[in-house]
Amino acid sequence: MSTPLRTLETKVIEDWIDYNGHLNEAYYLVIFSKATDATQDYLGMTFDSIKSTGFTLFTIETHLCYLQEIGLGKDVHVDTQILQHDSKRLRLFHRMYNAQEELLATAEKLFLSYNLQQERVTNFDEEFASNLQRLAAQHSELAQPAAAGQGIALKKK
């Protein structure tokens, strides 16, 4: 059975704490951004490869859900699941947990493959596309997250 990819383990630091004594909403996105960077690295799109080839990912949409608060010094980790991809786009889903494995937040993200040298959207490079295909095949066995594909709306009671 396949599992999501563990992409980040970190401790909540003082600079990330808001006036309520909890992780500030912006730093949830920082943590998810670091998890995205780790996903890219895992798939072969490292900082060095971006510098040499120009191939990178541009975030074009993010949907964050804040489910539980977390405080200073607490350990969190992020698991990442590939939801969809084609030759130029990648949609993934991050889940943030505390040390007790309680779900704290989720982030669904959509990316475009971009070549910085050509200054345009392009197909993923060969290595990244191959690695992505392999991980996506493994993740195709996983259930789609209930929160995936959801927008923001007021629900009638």
C-alpha atoms as a PDB file:
ATOM      1  CA  MET A   1       0.000   0.000   0.000  1.00  0.00           C
ATOM      2  CA  SER A   2       1.336   3.401  -0.956  1.00  0.00           C
ATOM      3  CA  THR A   3       1.584   6.269   1.518  1.00  0.00           C
ATOM      4  CA  PRO A   4       1.910  10.027   1.081  1.00  0.00           C
ATOM      5  CA  LEU A   5       5.454  11.347   0.945  1.00  0.00           C
ATOM      6  CA  ARG A   6       6.806  12.768   4.237  1.00  0.00           C
ATOM      7  CA  THR A   7       8.195  16.069   2.967  1.00  0.00           C
ATOM      8  CA  LEU A   8       8.924  18.106   6.068  1.00  0.00           C
ATOM      9  CA  GLU A   9       9.526  17.847   9.791  1.00  0.00           C
ATOM     10  CA  THR A  10      10.012  21.095  11.704  1.00  0.00           C
ATOM     11  CA  LYS A  11       9.535  22.807  15.027  1.00  0.00           C
ATOM     12  CA  VAL A  12       7.358  25.919  15.359  1.00  0.00           C
ATOM     13  CA  ILE A  13       9.748  28.794  16.090  1.00  0.00           C
ATOM     14  CA  GLU A  14       9.155  32.068  17.949  1.00  0.00           C
ATOM     15  CA  ASP A  15       9.242  34.238  14.805  1.00  0.00           C
ATOM     16  CA  TRP A  16       6.185  32.347  13.528  1.00  0.00           C
ATOM     17  CA  ILE A  17       4.001  33.023  16.587  1.00  0.00           C
ATOM     18  CA  ASP A  18       1.223  35.628  16.487  1.00  0.00           C
ATOM     19  CA  TYR A  19      -0.234  37.877  19.199  1.00  0.00           C
ATOM     20  CA  ASN A  20      -2.572  35.023  20.260  1.00  0.00           C
ATOM     21  CA  GLY A  21       0.367  32.758  21.026  1.00  0.00           C
ATOM     22  CA  HIS A  22      -0.272  30.470  18.052  1.00  0.00           C
ATOM     23  CA  LEU A  23       1.290  29.806  14.671  1.00  0.00           C
ATOM     24  CA  ASN A  24       0.434  32.845  12.542  1.00  0.00           C
ATOM     25  CA  GLU A  25      -1.673  32.032   9.486  1.00  0.00           C
ATOM     26  CA  ALA A  26       1.061  33.171   7.091  1.00  0.00           C
ATOM     27  CA  TYR A  27       3.527  30.676   8.538  1.00  0.00           C
ATOM     28  CA  TYR A  28       1.274  27.738   7.782  1.00  0.00           C
ATOM     29  CA  LEU A  29       1.939  28.705   4.149  1.00  0.00           C
ATOM     30  CA  VAL A  30       5.682  29.009   4.843  1.00  0.00           C
ATOM     31  CA  ILE A  31       5.692  25.460   6.195  1.00  0.00           C
ATOM     32  CA  PHE A  32       3.701  24.188   3.204  1.00  0.00           C
ATOM     33  CA  SER A  33       6.046  26.067   0.852  1.00  0.00           C
ATOM     34  CA  LYS A  34       9.025  24.308   2.428  1.00  0.00           C
ATOM     35  CA  ALA A  35       7.190  20.990   1.931  1.00  0.00           C
ATOM     36  CA  THR A  36       6.716  21.901  -1.736  1.00  0.00           C
ATOM     37  CA  ASP A  37      10.449  22.606  -2.042  1.00  0.00           C
ATOM     38  CA  ALA A  38      11.182  19.183  -0.536  1.00  0.00           C
ATOM     39  CA  THR A  39       8.748  17.578  -3.001  1.00  0.00           C
ATOM     40  CA  GLN A  40      10.523  19.284  -5.892  1.00  0.00           C
ATOM     41  CA  ASP A  41      13.891  18.082  -4.563  1.00  0.00           C
ATOM     42  CA  TYR A  42      12.556  14.539  -4.247  1.00  0.00           C
ATOM     43  CA  LEU A  43      11.399  14.689  -7.871  1.00  0.00           C
ATOM     44  CA  GLY A  44      14.785  15.969  -9.079  1.00  0.00           C
ATOM     45  CA  MET A  45      14.067  19.692  -9.346  1.00  0.00           C
ATOM     46  CA  THR A  46      16.775  20.904  -6.970  1.00  0.00           C
ATOM     47  CA  PHE A  47      18.049  24.442  -6.515  1.00  0.00           C
ATOM     48  CA  ASP A  48      21.160  23.549  -8.545  1.00  0.00           C
ATOM     49  CA  SER A  49      19.122  22.023 -11.379  1.00  0.00           C
ATOM     50  CA  ILE A  50      16.873  25.096 -11.498  1.00  0.00           C
ATOM     51  CA  LYS A  51      19.958  27.318 -11.785  1.00  0.00           C
ATOM     52  CA  SER A  52      21.478  25.207 -14.554  1.00  0.00           C
ATOM     53  CA  THR A  53      18.380  24.307 -16.614  1.00  0.00           C
ATOM     54  CA  GLY A  54      15.932  27.097 -15.822  1.00  0.00           C
ATOM     55  CA  PHE A  55      13.110  24.578 -15.220  1.00  0.00           C
ATOM     56  CA  THR A  56      11.100  25.417 -12.122  1.00  0.00           C
ATOM     57  CA  LEU A  57       7.570  25.417 -10.754  1.00  0.00           C
ATOM     58  CA  PHE A  58       5.407  28.497 -10.374  1.00  0.00           C
ATOM     59  CA  THR A  59       2.540  28.317  -7.898  1.00  0.00           C
ATOM     60  CA  ILE A  60      -0.652  29.493  -9.559  1.00  0.00           C
ATOM     61  CA  GLU A  61      -3.217  28.604  -6.898  1.00  0.00           C
ATOM     62  CA  THR A  62      -3.288  27.607  -3.232  1.00  0.00           C
ATOM     63  CA  HIS A  63      -6.198  26.648  -1.003  1.00  0.00           C
ATOM     64  CA  LEU A  64      -5.367  26.515   2.721  1.00  0.00           C
ATOM     65  CA  CYS A  65      -7.575  25.066   5.430  1.00  0.00           C
ATOM     66  CA  TYR A  66      -6.722  25.838   9.051  1.00  0.00           C
ATOM     67  CA  LEU A  67      -8.097  23.055  11.243  1.00  0.00           C
ATOM     68  CA  GLN A  68      -6.300  23.334  14.609  1.00  0.00           C
ATOM     69  CA  GLU A  69      -4.009  25.774  16.328  1.00  0.00           C
ATOM     70  CA  ILE A  70      -0.421  24.944  17.167  1.00  0.00           C
ATOM     71  CA  GLY A  71       1.965  26.738  19.511  1.00  0.00           C
ATOM     72  CA  LEU A  72       5.585  27.623  20.033  1.00  0.00           C
ATOM     73  CA  GLY A  73       8.109  24.795  20.129  1.00  0.00           C
ATOM     74  CA  LYS A  74       5.671  22.158  18.904  1.00  0.00           C
ATOM     75  CA  ASP A  75       6.800  19.608  16.338  1.00  0.00           C
ATOM     76  CA  VAL A  76       4.897  19.422  13.061  1.00  0.00           C
ATOM     77  CA  HIS A  77       5.316  17.350   9.935  1.00  0.00           C
ATOM     78  CA  VAL A  78       3.877  17.502   6.433  1.00  0.00           C
ATOM     79  CA  ASP A  79       2.826  14.613   4.219  1.00  0.00           C
ATOM     80  CA  THR A  80       2.346  15.280   0.515  1.00  0.00           C
ATOM     81  CA  GLN A  81       0.192  13.508  -2.051  1.00  0.00           C
ATOM     82  CA  ILE A  82       0.224  13.947  -5.819  1.00  0.00           C
ATOM     83  CA  LEU A  83      -3.373  14.419  -6.967  1.00  0.00           C
ATOM     84  CA  GLN A  84      -3.055  15.139 -10.697  1.00  0.00           C
ATOM     85  CA  HIS A  85      -0.571  16.146 -13.322  1.00  0.00           C
ATOM     86  CA  ASP A  86      -0.127  16.541 -17.034  1.00  0.00           C
ATOM     87  CA  SER A  87       2.883  17.638 -19.086  1.00  0.00           C
ATOM     88  CA  LYS A  88       2.915  21.200 -17.652  1.00  0.00           C
ATOM     89  CA  ARG A  89       0.781  21.217 -14.510  1.00  0.00           C
ATOM     90  CA  LEU A  90       0.975  19.599 -11.094  1.00  0.00           C
ATOM     91  CA  ARG A  91      -1.708  19.510  -8.410  1.00  0.00           C
ATOM     92  CA  LEU A  92      -0.716  18.301  -4.970  1.00  0.00           C
ATOM     93  CA  PHE A  93      -2.142  18.111  -1.483  1.00  0.00           C
ATOM     94  CA  HIS A  94      -0.218  18.761   1.733  1.00  0.00           C
ATOM     95  CA  ARG A  95      -1.390  17.690   5.204  1.00  0.00           C
ATOM     96  CA  MET A  96       0.212  19.141   8.352  1.00  0.00           C
ATOM     97  CA  TYR A  97       0.150  17.066  11.554  1.00  0.00           C
ATOM     98  CA  ASN A  98       1.328  17.535  15.124  1.00  0.00           C
ATOM     99  CA  ALA A  99       3.347  14.955  17.064  1.00  0.00           C
ATOM    100  CA  GLN A 100       0.093  13.228  18.102  1.00  0.00           C
ATOM    101  CA  GLU A 101      -0.823  12.756  14.403  1.00  0.00           C
ATOM    102  CA  GLU A 102      -3.718  15.214  14.678  1.00  0.00           C
ATOM    103  CA  LEU A 103      -4.448  17.022  11.410  1.00  0.00           C
ATOM    104  CA  LEU A 104      -3.662  20.729  11.812  1.00  0.00           C
ATOM    105  CA  ALA A 105      -4.052  22.134   8.311  1.00  0.00           C
ATOM    106  CA  THR A 106      -4.180  21.240   4.633  1.00  0.00           C
ATOM    107  CA  ALA A 107      -3.006  22.984   1.484  1.00  0.00           C
ATOM    108  CA  GLU A 108      -3.993  22.110  -2.045  1.00  0.00           C
ATOM    109  CA  LYS A 109      -1.642  23.651  -4.591  1.00  0.00           C
ATOM    110  CA  LEU A 110      -1.528  23.976  -8.361  1.00  0.00           C
ATOM    111  CA  PHE A 111       1.746  24.588 -10.205  1.00  0.00           C
ATOM    112  CA  LEU A 112       2.884  25.321 -13.742  1.00  0.00           C
ATOM    113  CA  SER A 113       6.179  24.193 -15.214  1.00  0.00           C
ATOM    114  CA  TYR A 114       8.128  27.290 -16.177  1.00  0.00           C
ATOM    115  CA  ASN A 115      11.479  27.819 -17.859  1.00  0.00           C
ATOM    116  CA  LEU A 116      13.218  30.865 -16.410  1.00  0.00           C
ATOM    117  CA  GLN A 117      15.705  31.041 -19.293  1.00  0.00           C
ATOM    118  CA  GLN A 118      12.979  31.002 -21.959  1.00  0.00           C
ATOM    119  CA  GLU A 119      10.568  33.026 -19.787  1.00  0.00           C
ATOM    120  CA  ARG A 120       7.592  30.850 -20.657  1.00  0.00           C
ATOM    121  CA  VAL A 121       5.503  27.898 -19.552  1.00  0.00           C
ATOM    122  CA  THR A 122       6.988  24.657 -20.876  1.00  0.00           C
ATOM    123  CA  ASN A 123       6.641  20.915 -20.425  1.00  0.00           C
ATOM    124  CA  PHE A 124       8.331  19.394 -17.400  1.00  0.00           C
ATOM    125  CA  ASP A 125      11.885  18.343 -18.136  1.00  0.00           C
ATOM    126  CA  GLU A 126      12.445  14.631 -18.776  1.00  0.00           C
ATOM    127  CA  GLU A 127      13.881  13.665 -15.383  1.00  0.00           C
ATOM    128  CA  PHE A 128      11.205  15.516 -13.411  1.00  0.00           C
ATOM    129  CA  ALA A 129       8.399  14.138 -15.603  1.00  0.00           C
ATOM    130  CA  SER A 130       9.654  10.583 -15.167  1.00  0.00           C
ATOM    131  CA  ASN A 131      10.008  10.915 -11.380  1.00  0.00           C
ATOM    132  CA  LEU A 132       6.611  12.605 -11.156  1.00  0.00           C
ATOM    133  CA  GLN A 133       4.963   9.836 -13.167  1.00  0.00           C
ATOM    134  CA  ARG A 134       6.446   7.193 -10.868  1.00  0.00           C
ATOM    135  CA  LEU A 135       5.305   8.949  -7.659  1.00  0.00           C
ATOM    136  CA  ALA A 136       1.880   9.756  -9.113  1.00  0.00           C
ATOM    137  CA  ALA A 137       1.391   6.078  -9.982  1.00  0.00           C
ATOM    138  CA  GLN A 138       2.137   5.146  -6.375  1.00  0.00           C
ATOM    139  CA  HIS A 139      -0.195   7.851  -5.056  1.00  0.00           C
ATOM    140  CA  SER A 140      -2.997   6.807  -7.416  1.00  0.00           C
ATOM    141  CA  GLU A 141      -3.693   4.008  -4.926  1.00  0.00           C
ATOM    142  CA  LEU A 142      -4.466   6.569  -2.199  1.00  0.00           C
ATOM    143  CA  ALA A 143      -7.945   7.932  -1.557  1.00  0.00           C
ATOM    144  CA  GLN A 144      -8.537  11.473  -2.727  1.00  0.00           C
ATOM    145  CA  PRO A 145      -8.632  13.858   0.243  1.00  0.00           C
ATOM    146  CA  ALA A 146     -12.177  14.968   1.080  1.00  0.00           C
ATOM    147  CA  ALA A 147     -11.041  18.606   1.100  1.00  0.00           C
ATOM    148  CA  ALA A 148      -9.431  18.431  -2.358  1.00  0.00           C
ATOM    149  CA  GLY A 149     -11.128  20.478  -5.039  1.00  0.00           C
ATOM    150  CA  GLN A 150     -13.217  22.431  -2.558  1.00  0.00           C
ATOM    151  CA  GLY A 151     -13.660  26.153  -2.808  1.00  0.00           C
ATOM    152  CA  ILE A 152     -14.776  28.683  -0.248  1.00  0.00           C
ATOM    153  CA  ALA A 153     -18.493  29.153   0.370  1.00  0.00           C
ATOM    154  CA  LEU A 154     -20.924  29.849   3.159  1.00  0.00           C
ATOM    155  CA  LYS A 155     -22.854  26.686   3.719  1.00  0.00           C
ATOM    156  CA  LYS A 156     -26.547  26.917   4.582  1.00  0.00           C
ATOM    157  CA  LYS A 157     -27.437  25.368   7.898  1.00  0.00           C
END
